[in-house]
Amino acid sequence: METYSAQIEHYYFLKPPGDQFVKQIIFWIMVILGFLITLSVGMIVINWSLNTQI
């Protein structure tokens, strides 16, 4: 049991798992931002086309 936890500690110090976690968070932030930007641009375009039709 002692060697097992020591191996885990060694592995975590060698390759920190936070790196992948941070990459995933950044990826999701980019996805959400892209979705919001697309949504707002779409709303502006729809409003503009409706205003020009009238």
Protein backbone atom coordinates (compact mmCIF):
# COMPACT_ATOMS: atom_id res chain seq x y z
CA MET A 1 0.00 0.00 0.00
CA GLU A 2 2.88 2.34 0.83
CA THR A 3 4.57 1.85 -2.53
CA TYR A 4 1.26 2.33 -4.36
CA SER A 5 0.66 5.80 -2.90
CA ALA A 6 4.31 6.69 -3.48
CA GLN A 7 3.93 5.71 -7.14
CA ILE A 8 0.83 7.88 -7.46
CA GLU A 9 2.65 10.84 -5.89
CA HIS A 10 5.61 10.31 -8.20
CA TYR A 11 3.31 10.15 -11.24
CA TYR A 12 1.43 13.30 -10.24
CA PHE A 13 4.64 15.22 -9.71
CA LEU A 14 5.94 14.02 -13.07
CA LYS A 15 2.78 14.73 -15.06
CA PRO A 16 0.44 17.11 -13.24
CA PRO A 17 -3.18 16.22 -14.04
CA GLY A 18 -4.16 19.89 -13.72
CA ASP A 19 -2.74 20.57 -17.18
CA GLN A 20 -5.38 18.45 -18.93
CA PHE A 21 -8.05 19.87 -16.61
CA VAL A 22 -7.08 23.45 -17.48
CA LYS A 23 -7.07 22.61 -21.19
CA GLN A 24 -10.59 21.18 -20.86
CA ILE A 25 -11.81 24.28 -19.00
CA ILE A 26 -10.29 26.58 -21.64
CA PHE A 27 -11.88 24.46 -24.39
CA TRP A 28 -15.34 24.73 -22.80
CA ILE A 29 -14.93 28.49 -22.23
CA MET A 30 -14.06 28.89 -25.92
CA VAL A 31 -17.09 26.79 -26.94
CA ILE A 32 -19.46 28.81 -24.72
CA LEU A 33 -17.98 32.14 -25.87
CA GLY A 34 -18.26 31.10 -29.51
CA PHE A 35 -21.88 30.05 -28.98
CA LEU A 36 -22.76 33.35 -27.27
CA ILE A 37 -21.02 35.42 -29.98
CA THR A 38 -22.82 33.47 -32.72
CA LEU A 39 -26.13 33.92 -30.90
CA SER A 40 -25.69 37.70 -30.45
CA VAL A 41 -24.55 38.16 -34.07
CA GLY A 42 -27.54 36.11 -35.24
CA MET A 43 -29.92 38.26 -33.18
CA ILE A 44 -28.39 41.47 -34.60
CA VAL A 45 -28.70 40.13 -38.17
CA ILE A 46 -32.33 39.07 -37.61
CA ASN A 47 -33.21 42.45 -36.07
CA TRP A 48 -31.47 44.27 -38.92
CA SER A 49 -33.25 42.25 -41.63
CA LEU A 50 -36.62 42.76 -39.90
CA ASN A 51 -36.00 46.52 -39.63
CA THR A 52 -35.02 46.84 -43.29
CA GLN A 53 -38.09 44.89 -44.46
CA ILE A 54 -40.53 47.24 -42.71
